[in-house]
Structures are given as C-alpha cells and as structure tokens.
Amino acid sequence: MNLDVIAFTAHPDDAELAMGGTLIKLAMNDLRVGIVDLTRGELGTRGSAETRQKEAFQAAIILKTALRENLNIPDGDIQNNKENLMKVIMCIRKYRPKIIFAPYFNDRHPDHIAVSKLAKKACFYSGLPKIRTFDKEKPQEAYRPEKLFYFMQTYTFIPSFIVDISDTFELKMKAMRAYESQFYNPKSTEPETFISKPGFIKFIESRAEFYGFKIGKAYGEPFYTEESVELNLVDTVKGIS
C-alpha cells in the first residue's frame, strides 16, 4: 500500500497534538495518510504502553488515517544508529510517501529531536540504491520522498507555512481526547505531568487560534521546511475574495 503522507513521531499522541487538524484535512481530501510512532511511550508517567496503544488506534480512526504503525524502538532511547535508521528507511521504501512530516529539530523532549534527525537521514538515504533493504525477504527499491516538513511541538519557530484547520479543529481535539490516560482528568489518581495539567489543552487551543489568526483564519497549524516551497500565485490571487 502506497501512502501520500507519513508523519513520523516519537510517541503516540504526538501527531494529534502537533498536526492532527492537518492530517484530518489531508485524509478528507482523499489522500492516504499514515502515522508511524517510533516508540510505544512506555516511559510515560501516566498510563501504560498497552493503554496508549489502544488510545492511539482510537485516535487514528478519528483522524481517518489509512495506517498507524509502531516501530517499537525503546522509549527514551531513540538512538541515532544504523538499526533504527534502517527501520525508518524500510518504512519509507515500503509505503513510498510523497511527503514526510517529522518533529522540529529543536524541542523540549530529547526523543522528539532524535526522531527529527532520524527522519531527515532516512529521507535521504532511502534514495540510495546501494543501501539494500528487504521486506519479507523481497528486496525493496530505493525511494526518496519529495518533501520533508517539520511540525511544532513545545518549542516555537517562525513557520514556513501555516495550514488552515478551521474545519478540522474540533476533530483534532476529539482525537486528542482519545488519550484519556494522558491529559487532564479530574478523576485520575496518577501523578500530574506537563501535558496532564488543566492548562495544557488550553495551550493547544490558544496556539491553534494564534496561528490561525496570522493567516486570517480561526485555527491553524504551523510547519517549517529547510527548502523553498512553490507558491501558485495565480490560484492564490483567484482565491482571494
């Protein structure tokens, strides 16, 4: 199965928080979208790996993704080594996405930075025929995605572009709430974390409002690219009412 888009993340719930509205928007426009979580989030203070896996699949249904996979790399130990690099390369060659999304390369969480570096390396090396990989003993063909875009997590950046998610924002929040173990729940007896505080959900809402405002929309999600992107000026002008 070929995909149009893959979002590589460190943990289940990262995609929902950072770019859930964009993923839904892509899927609703008949694009095949996949999420590949590198770890099961087993070091998370709240919940368990099993709980988060169930929540991740519930969220994927809301996001309308065609695929959600987990590479089962140890949480908190996403090493930039050959074994992990080959896992990501094999995934890219298997699904042949046109666009890759990955965490921005500077963030509060070291795992997010590690995934960012792995994704960038894998995007490039996946296109080299002399790097040989196999899927069920069948040789994989070299393949390089056309674009690599970075999504925002905790630390901010000046966006290269902002996606209008006004029509998918409520579904984004619904997908986030599928992670009942992770976010604010007044009935929970588990320890409070950075993302389980009552203000965290408000932070996500406010950030979407902020970036939406910058493009004249209700809600937006920001992205960064190290390469130039084309602007279809004719369509842009025609779209201005």
C-alpha atoms as a PDB file:
ATOM      1  CA  MET A   1       0.000   0.000   0.000  1.00  0.00           C
ATOM      2  CA  ASN A   2       1.426   3.347  -1.066  1.00  0.00           C
ATOM      3  CA  LEU A   3       0.773   6.418   1.052  1.00  0.00           C
ATOM      4  CA  ASP A   4       0.734  10.086   0.133  1.00  0.00           C
ATOM      5  CA  VAL A   5       1.894  11.270   3.559  1.00  0.00           C
ATOM      6  CA  ILE A   6       3.634   9.778   6.595  1.00  0.00           C
ATOM      7  CA  ALA A   7       4.020  11.571   9.927  1.00  0.00           C
ATOM      8  CA  PHE A   8       6.886  10.124  11.953  1.00  0.00           C
ATOM      9  CA  THR A   9       6.524  10.735  15.693  1.00  0.00           C
ATOM     10  CA  ALA A  10       8.309   9.745  18.877  1.00  0.00           C
ATOM     11  CA  HIS A  11       5.219   8.809  20.903  1.00  0.00           C
ATOM     12  CA  PRO A  12       1.543   8.027  20.466  1.00  0.00           C
ATOM     13  CA  ASP A  13      -0.359  11.350  20.774  1.00  0.00           C
ATOM     14  CA  ASP A  14       2.451  13.479  19.268  1.00  0.00           C
ATOM     15  CA  ALA A  15       0.793  13.582  15.845  1.00  0.00           C
ATOM     16  CA  GLU A  16      -2.583  14.524  17.319  1.00  0.00           C
ATOM     17  CA  LEU A  17      -1.127  17.356  19.358  1.00  0.00           C
ATOM     18  CA  ALA A  18       1.126  18.806  16.681  1.00  0.00           C
ATOM     19  CA  MET A  19      -0.733  18.313  13.415  1.00  0.00           C
ATOM     20  CA  GLY A  20      -3.967  16.426  13.972  1.00  0.00           C
ATOM     21  CA  GLY A  21      -6.023  19.004  12.106  1.00  0.00           C
ATOM     22  CA  THR A  22      -3.726  18.858   9.094  1.00  0.00           C
ATOM     23  CA  LEU A  23      -3.769  15.057   8.960  1.00  0.00           C
ATOM     24  CA  ILE A  24      -7.570  15.035   9.008  1.00  0.00           C
ATOM     25  CA  LYS A  25      -7.681  17.722   6.316  1.00  0.00           C
ATOM     26  CA  LEU A  26      -5.407  15.677   4.062  1.00  0.00           C
ATOM     27  CA  ALA A  27      -7.399  12.488   4.629  1.00  0.00           C
ATOM     28  CA  MET A  28     -10.688  14.263   3.953  1.00  0.00           C
ATOM     29  CA  ASN A  29      -9.273  15.329   0.579  1.00  0.00           C
ATOM     30  CA  ASP A  30      -8.787  11.714  -0.498  1.00  0.00           C
ATOM     31  CA  LEU A  31      -5.084  11.483   0.368  1.00  0.00           C
ATOM     32  CA  ARG A  32      -3.726   8.346   2.007  1.00  0.00           C
ATOM     33  CA  VAL A  33      -2.226   9.355   5.348  1.00  0.00           C
ATOM     34  CA  GLY A  34      -0.153   7.268   7.734  1.00  0.00           C
ATOM     35  CA  ILE A  35       1.276   7.773  11.228  1.00  0.00           C
ATOM     36  CA  VAL A  36       4.375   5.883  12.316  1.00  0.00           C
ATOM     37  CA  ASP A  37       5.141   6.150  16.033  1.00  0.00           C
ATOM     38  CA  LEU A  38       8.701   5.119  16.801  1.00  0.00           C
ATOM     39  CA  THR A  39       8.037   4.131  20.429  1.00  0.00           C
ATOM     40  CA  ARG A  40       5.093   2.888  22.484  1.00  0.00           C
ATOM     41  CA  GLY A  41       5.584   5.654  25.047  1.00  0.00           C
ATOM     42  CA  GLU A  42       6.233   3.090  27.749  1.00  0.00           C
ATOM     43  CA  LEU A  43       8.226   5.519  29.909  1.00  0.00           C
ATOM     44  CA  GLY A  44       5.275   7.887  30.185  1.00  0.00           C
ATOM     45  CA  THR A  45       4.344   8.724  33.771  1.00  0.00           C
ATOM     46  CA  ARG A  46       0.648   8.069  33.222  1.00  0.00           C
ATOM     47  CA  GLY A  47      -0.998   5.046  31.686  1.00  0.00           C
ATOM     48  CA  SER A  48       0.814   2.081  30.149  1.00  0.00           C
ATOM     49  CA  ALA A  49       2.132   1.100  26.742  1.00  0.00           C
ATOM     50  CA  GLU A  50      -0.918  -1.113  26.248  1.00  0.00           C
ATOM     51  CA  THR A  51      -3.315   1.667  27.188  1.00  0.00           C
ATOM     52  CA  ARG A  52      -1.616   4.144  24.886  1.00  0.00           C
ATOM     53  CA  GLN A  53      -1.700   1.667  22.020  1.00  0.00           C
ATOM     54  CA  LYS A  54      -5.471   1.314  22.349  1.00  0.00           C
ATOM     55  CA  GLU A  55      -5.849   5.089  22.584  1.00  0.00           C
ATOM     56  CA  ALA A  56      -3.637   5.553  19.519  1.00  0.00           C
ATOM     57  CA  PHE A  57      -5.815   3.320  17.367  1.00  0.00           C
ATOM     58  CA  GLN A  58      -8.970   5.054  18.611  1.00  0.00           C
ATOM     59  CA  ALA A  59      -7.423   8.401  17.689  1.00  0.00           C
ATOM     60  CA  ALA A  60      -6.342   7.079  14.275  1.00  0.00           C
ATOM     61  CA  ILE A  61      -9.970   6.276  13.450  1.00  0.00           C
ATOM     62  CA  ILE A  62     -10.935   9.860  14.248  1.00  0.00           C
ATOM     63  CA  LEU A  63      -8.004  11.146  12.177  1.00  0.00           C
ATOM     64  CA  LYS A  64      -9.171   8.967   9.252  1.00  0.00           C
ATOM     65  CA  THR A  65      -5.659   7.620   8.692  1.00  0.00           C
ATOM     66  CA  ALA A  66      -5.061   4.727   6.320  1.00  0.00           C
ATOM     67  CA  LEU A  67      -2.267   3.370   8.523  1.00  0.00           C
ATOM     68  CA  ARG A  68      -0.862   3.560  12.031  1.00  0.00           C
ATOM     69  CA  GLU A  69       2.267   1.588  12.869  1.00  0.00           C
ATOM     70  CA  ASN A  70       4.755   1.419  15.717  1.00  0.00           C
ATOM     71  CA  LEU A  71       8.446   0.661  15.185  1.00  0.00           C
ATOM     72  CA  ASN A  72       8.866  -0.493  18.809  1.00  0.00           C
ATOM     73  CA  ILE A  73      12.073   1.442  19.440  1.00  0.00           C
ATOM     74  CA  PRO A  74      12.671   1.792  23.211  1.00  0.00           C
ATOM     75  CA  ASP A  75      11.101   4.928  24.651  1.00  0.00           C
ATOM     76  CA  GLY A  76      13.720   7.317  25.977  1.00  0.00           C
ATOM     77  CA  ASP A  77      16.433   5.571  23.951  1.00  0.00           C
ATOM     78  CA  ILE A  78      15.830   6.566  20.330  1.00  0.00           C
ATOM     79  CA  GLN A  79      19.434   6.240  19.273  1.00  0.00           C
ATOM     80  CA  ASN A  80      20.705   7.665  16.019  1.00  0.00           C
ATOM     81  CA  ASN A  81      22.196   4.322  14.999  1.00  0.00           C
ATOM     82  CA  LYS A  82      22.136   2.067  11.947  1.00  0.00           C
ATOM     83  CA  GLU A  83      19.454  -0.277  13.300  1.00  0.00           C
ATOM     84  CA  ASN A  84      16.940   2.499  13.905  1.00  0.00           C
ATOM     85  CA  LEU A  85      17.862   4.282  10.688  1.00  0.00           C
ATOM     86  CA  MET A  86      17.205   1.116   8.698  1.00  0.00           C
ATOM     87  CA  LYS A  87      13.789   0.715  10.340  1.00  0.00           C
ATOM     88  CA  VAL A  88      12.757   4.152   9.142  1.00  0.00           C
ATOM     89  CA  ILE A  89      14.264   3.632   5.677  1.00  0.00           C
ATOM     90  CA  MET A  90      12.399   0.336   5.281  1.00  0.00           C
ATOM     91  CA  CYS A  91       9.175   2.071   6.267  1.00  0.00           C
ATOM     92  CA  ILE A  92       9.698   4.840   3.692  1.00  0.00           C
ATOM     93  CA  ARG A  93      10.509   2.347   0.955  1.00  0.00           C
ATOM     94  CA  LYS A  94       7.527   0.184   1.859  1.00  0.00           C
ATOM     95  CA  TYR A  95       4.927   2.955   1.731  1.00  0.00           C
ATOM     96  CA  ARG A  96       6.646   5.392  -0.669  1.00  0.00           C
ATOM     97  CA  PRO A  97       5.095   8.615   0.677  1.00  0.00           C
ATOM     98  CA  LYS A  98       5.351  11.825  -1.301  1.00  0.00           C
ATOM     99  CA  ILE A  99       5.732  13.923   1.856  1.00  0.00           C
ATOM    100  CA  ILE A 100       7.252  13.179   5.246  1.00  0.00           C
ATOM    101  CA  PHE A 101       6.384  15.084   8.413  1.00  0.00           C
ATOM    102  CA  ALA A 102       8.706  14.918  11.424  1.00  0.00           C
ATOM    103  CA  PRO A 103       9.251  16.816  14.692  1.00  0.00           C
ATOM    104  CA  TYR A 104      11.067  20.135  14.529  1.00  0.00           C
ATOM    105  CA  PHE A 105      14.752  19.615  15.242  1.00  0.00           C
ATOM    106  CA  ASN A 106      14.835  21.619  18.485  1.00  0.00           C
ATOM    107  CA  ASP A 107      12.429  20.691  21.257  1.00  0.00           C
ATOM    108  CA  ARG A 108      11.980  20.234  24.995  1.00  0.00           C
ATOM    109  CA  HIS A 109      11.864  16.428  24.672  1.00  0.00           C
ATOM    110  CA  PRO A 110      15.095  14.681  23.546  1.00  0.00           C
ATOM    111  CA  ASP A 111      13.069  11.911  21.854  1.00  0.00           C
ATOM    112  CA  HIS A 112      11.484  14.472  19.522  1.00  0.00           C
ATOM    113  CA  ILE A 113      14.910  15.745  18.482  1.00  0.00           C
ATOM    114  CA  ALA A 114      16.118  12.179  17.910  1.00  0.00           C
ATOM    115  CA  VAL A 115      13.171  11.365  15.626  1.00  0.00           C
ATOM    116  CA  SER A 116      13.754  14.585  13.686  1.00  0.00           C
ATOM    117  CA  LYS A 117      17.366  13.598  12.963  1.00  0.00           C
ATOM    118  CA  LEU A 118      16.466  10.015  12.070  1.00  0.00           C
ATOM    119  CA  ALA A 119      13.695  11.124   9.700  1.00  0.00           C
ATOM    120  CA  LYS A 120      15.978  13.537   7.859  1.00  0.00           C
ATOM    121  CA  LYS A 121      18.717  10.942   7.425  1.00  0.00           C
ATOM    122  CA  ALA A 122      16.235   8.274   6.361  1.00  0.00           C
ATOM    123  CA  CYS A 123      14.612  10.539   3.766  1.00  0.00           C
ATOM    124  CA  PHE A 124      17.958  10.999   2.068  1.00  0.00           C
ATOM    125  CA  TYR A 125      19.494   7.544   2.424  1.00  0.00           C
ATOM    126  CA  SER A 126      16.268   5.831   1.399  1.00  0.00           C
ATOM    127  CA  GLY A 127      17.001   7.094  -2.100  1.00  0.00           C
ATOM    128  CA  LEU A 128      20.389   5.385  -2.377  1.00  0.00           C
ATOM    129  CA  PRO A 129      20.182   2.045  -4.278  1.00  0.00           C
ATOM    130  CA  LYS A 130      23.387   0.726  -2.694  1.00  0.00           C
ATOM    131  CA  ILE A 131      21.699   0.689   0.708  1.00  0.00           C
ATOM    132  CA  ARG A 132      19.899  -2.633   0.491  1.00  0.00           C
ATOM    133  CA  THR A 133      16.781  -3.451   2.492  1.00  0.00           C
ATOM    134  CA  PHE A 134      14.242  -6.253   2.375  1.00  0.00           C
ATOM    135  CA  ASP A 135      10.541  -6.576   3.122  1.00  0.00           C
ATOM    136  CA  LYS A 136       9.565 -10.203   3.785  1.00  0.00           C
ATOM    137  CA  GLU A 137      12.787 -11.317   2.062  1.00  0.00           C
ATOM    138  CA  LYS A 138      11.909  -9.298  -1.054  1.00  0.00           C
ATOM    139  CA  PRO A 139      14.387  -6.537  -1.998  1.00  0.00           C
ATOM    140  CA  GLN A 140      12.998  -3.039  -1.636  1.00  0.00           C
ATOM    141  CA  GLU A 141      13.502  -0.402  -4.311  1.00  0.00           C
ATOM    142  CA  ALA A 142      15.280   2.822  -3.436  1.00  0.00           C
ATOM    143  CA  TYR A 143      12.862   5.698  -2.967  1.00  0.00           C
ATOM    144  CA  ARG A 144      13.162   9.285  -1.751  1.00  0.00           C
ATOM    145  CA  PRO A 145      10.152  11.404  -0.666  1.00  0.00           C
ATOM    146  CA  GLU A 146       9.744  14.738  -2.395  1.00  0.00           C
ATOM    147  CA  LYS A 147       9.466  16.899   0.741  1.00  0.00           C
ATOM    148  CA  LEU A 148      10.265  16.839   4.444  1.00  0.00           C
ATOM    149  CA  PHE A 149       8.224  19.179   6.626  1.00  0.00           C
ATOM    150  CA  TYR A 150       8.684  19.715  10.374  1.00  0.00           C
ATOM    151  CA  PHE A 151       5.811  20.144  12.830  1.00  0.00           C
ATOM    152  CA  MET A 152       5.814  22.194  16.023  1.00  0.00           C
ATOM    153  CA  GLN A 153       5.698  20.571  19.464  1.00  0.00           C
ATOM    154  CA  THR A 154       6.807  22.530  22.546  1.00  0.00           C
ATOM    155  CA  TYR A 155       9.372  24.999  21.218  1.00  0.00           C
ATOM    156  CA  THR A 156       8.184  27.504  18.636  1.00  0.00           C
ATOM    157  CA  PHE A 157       9.715  28.558  15.324  1.00  0.00           C
ATOM    158  CA  ILE A 158       8.914  31.019  12.545  1.00  0.00           C
ATOM    159  CA  PRO A 159       6.718  28.943  10.226  1.00  0.00           C
ATOM    160  CA  SER A 160       7.455  28.436   6.554  1.00  0.00           C
ATOM    161  CA  PHE A 161       3.729  27.946   6.081  1.00  0.00           C
ATOM    162  CA  ILE A 162       0.553  27.562   8.145  1.00  0.00           C
ATOM    163  CA  VAL A 163      -2.290  25.159   7.344  1.00  0.00           C
ATOM    164  CA  ASP A 164      -5.854  26.356   7.904  1.00  0.00           C
ATOM    165  CA  ILE A 165      -7.514  23.744  10.167  1.00  0.00           C
ATOM    166  CA  SER A 166     -10.663  25.707  10.956  1.00  0.00           C
ATOM    167  CA  ASP A 167     -12.875  22.964   9.537  1.00  0.00           C
ATOM    168  CA  THR A 168     -10.995  20.118  11.273  1.00  0.00           C
ATOM    169  CA  PHE A 169     -10.108  21.675  14.627  1.00  0.00           C
ATOM    170  CA  GLU A 170     -12.938  20.019  16.570  1.00  0.00           C
ATOM    171  CA  LEU A 171     -11.966  16.595  15.217  1.00  0.00           C
ATOM    172  CA  LYS A 172      -8.349  17.284  16.161  1.00  0.00           C
ATOM    173  CA  MET A 173      -9.422  17.953  19.740  1.00  0.00           C
ATOM    174  CA  LYS A 174     -11.601  14.834  19.726  1.00  0.00           C
ATOM    175  CA  ALA A 175      -8.602  12.760  18.605  1.00  0.00           C
ATOM    176  CA  MET A 176      -6.536  14.249  21.422  1.00  0.00           C
ATOM    177  CA  ARG A 177      -9.212  13.424  23.964  1.00  0.00           C
ATOM    178  CA  ALA A 178      -8.982   9.775  22.893  1.00  0.00           C
ATOM    179  CA  TYR A 179      -5.845   9.720  25.076  1.00  0.00           C
ATOM    180  CA  GLU A 180      -7.780   9.715  28.337  1.00  0.00           C
ATOM    181  CA  SER A 181      -4.748   8.444  30.246  1.00  0.00           C
ATOM    182  CA  GLN A 182      -2.532  11.353  29.216  1.00  0.00           C
ATOM    183  CA  PHE A 183      -4.500  14.577  29.503  1.00  0.00           C
ATOM    184  CA  TYR A 184      -6.368  16.341  32.270  1.00  0.00           C
ATOM    185  CA  ASN A 185      -8.849  14.121  34.074  1.00  0.00           C
ATOM    186  CA  PRO A 186     -10.074  15.314  37.489  1.00  0.00           C
ATOM    187  CA  LYS A 187     -10.876  11.709  38.431  1.00  0.00           C
ATOM    188  CA  SER A 188      -7.345  10.452  37.775  1.00  0.00           C
ATOM    189  CA  THR A 189      -5.186   9.470  40.737  1.00  0.00           C
ATOM    190  CA  GLU A 190      -1.987   9.314  38.687  1.00  0.00           C
ATOM    191  CA  PRO A 191       0.816  11.889  39.066  1.00  0.00           C
ATOM    192  CA  GLU A 192       0.441  15.208  37.296  1.00  0.00           C
ATOM    193  CA  THR A 193       2.611  15.714  34.214  1.00  0.00           C
ATOM    194  CA  PHE A 194       3.454  18.539  31.838  1.00  0.00           C
ATOM    195  CA  ILE A 195       0.598  17.569  29.498  1.00  0.00           C
ATOM    196  CA  SER A 196      -1.947  16.485  32.124  1.00  0.00           C
ATOM    197  CA  LYS A 197      -2.229  19.935  33.667  1.00  0.00           C
ATOM    198  CA  PRO A 198      -5.574  21.673  33.011  1.00  0.00           C
ATOM    199  CA  GLY A 199      -3.835  24.498  31.170  1.00  0.00           C
ATOM    200  CA  PHE A 200      -2.182  22.274  28.569  1.00  0.00           C
ATOM    201  CA  ILE A 201      -5.309  21.706  26.485  1.00  0.00           C
ATOM    202  CA  LYS A 202      -5.926  25.458  26.608  1.00  0.00           C
ATOM    203  CA  PHE A 203      -2.358  25.968  25.381  1.00  0.00           C
ATOM    204  CA  ILE A 204      -3.032  23.741  22.356  1.00  0.00           C
ATOM    205  CA  GLU A 205      -6.272  25.598  21.625  1.00  0.00           C
ATOM    206  CA  SER A 206      -4.636  29.010  22.024  1.00  0.00           C
ATOM    207  CA  ARG A 207      -1.722  28.091  19.774  1.00  0.00           C
ATOM    208  CA  ALA A 208      -4.111  26.965  17.034  1.00  0.00           C
ATOM    209  CA  GLU A 209      -6.009  30.248  17.420  1.00  0.00           C
ATOM    210  CA  PHE A 210      -2.756  32.252  17.274  1.00  0.00           C
ATOM    211  CA  TYR A 211      -1.506  30.656  14.069  1.00  0.00           C
ATOM    212  CA  GLY A 212      -4.972  30.772  12.575  1.00  0.00           C
ATOM    213  CA  PHE A 213      -5.136  34.499  13.277  1.00  0.00           C
ATOM    214  CA  LYS A 214      -1.830  35.013  11.454  1.00  0.00           C
ATOM    215  CA  ILE A 215      -3.429  33.747   8.228  1.00  0.00           C
ATOM    216  CA  GLY A 216      -6.834  35.280   8.803  1.00  0.00           C
ATOM    217  CA  LYS A 217      -8.485  32.013   9.830  1.00  0.00           C
ATOM    218  CA  ALA A 218      -9.988  30.628  13.023  1.00  0.00           C
ATOM    219  CA  TYR A 219      -7.357  27.919  13.611  1.00  0.00           C
ATOM    220  CA  GLY A 220      -4.014  26.991  12.085  1.00  0.00           C
ATOM    221  CA  GLU A 221      -1.091  24.576  12.442  1.00  0.00           C
ATOM    222  CA  PRO A 222       2.471  25.789  11.699  1.00  0.00           C
ATOM    223  CA  PHE A 223       5.180  23.961   9.765  1.00  0.00           C
ATOM    224  CA  TYR A 224       8.806  24.548   8.842  1.00  0.00           C
ATOM    225  CA  THR A 225      10.817  23.460   5.837  1.00  0.00           C
ATOM    226  CA  GLU A 226      14.531  23.860   5.177  1.00  0.00           C
ATOM    227  CA  GLU A 227      13.859  24.025   1.430  1.00  0.00           C
ATOM    228  CA  SER A 228      11.885  26.536  -0.612  1.00  0.00           C
ATOM    229  CA  VAL A 229       8.271  25.743  -1.416  1.00  0.00           C
ATOM    230  CA  GLU A 230       6.430  26.845  -4.524  1.00  0.00           C
ATOM    231  CA  LEU A 231       3.525  29.275  -4.281  1.00  0.00           C
ATOM    232  CA  ASN A 232       0.900  29.032  -7.007  1.00  0.00           C
ATOM    233  CA  LEU A 233       0.313  32.768  -7.228  1.00  0.00           C
ATOM    234  CA  VAL A 234      -2.493  32.518  -9.797  1.00  0.00           C
ATOM    235  CA  ASP A 235      -4.581  30.201  -7.577  1.00  0.00           C
ATOM    236  CA  THR A 236      -3.779  32.373  -4.560  1.00  0.00           C
ATOM    237  CA  VAL A 237      -4.999  35.533  -6.253  1.00  0.00           C
ATOM    238  CA  LYS A 238      -8.105  33.806  -7.619  1.00  0.00           C
ATOM    239  CA  GLY A 239      -8.861  32.502  -4.125  1.00  0.00           C
ATOM    240  CA  ILE A 240      -8.893  35.994  -2.589  1.00  0.00           C
ATOM    241  CA  SER A 241     -12.455  37.182  -2.374  1.00  0.00           C
END
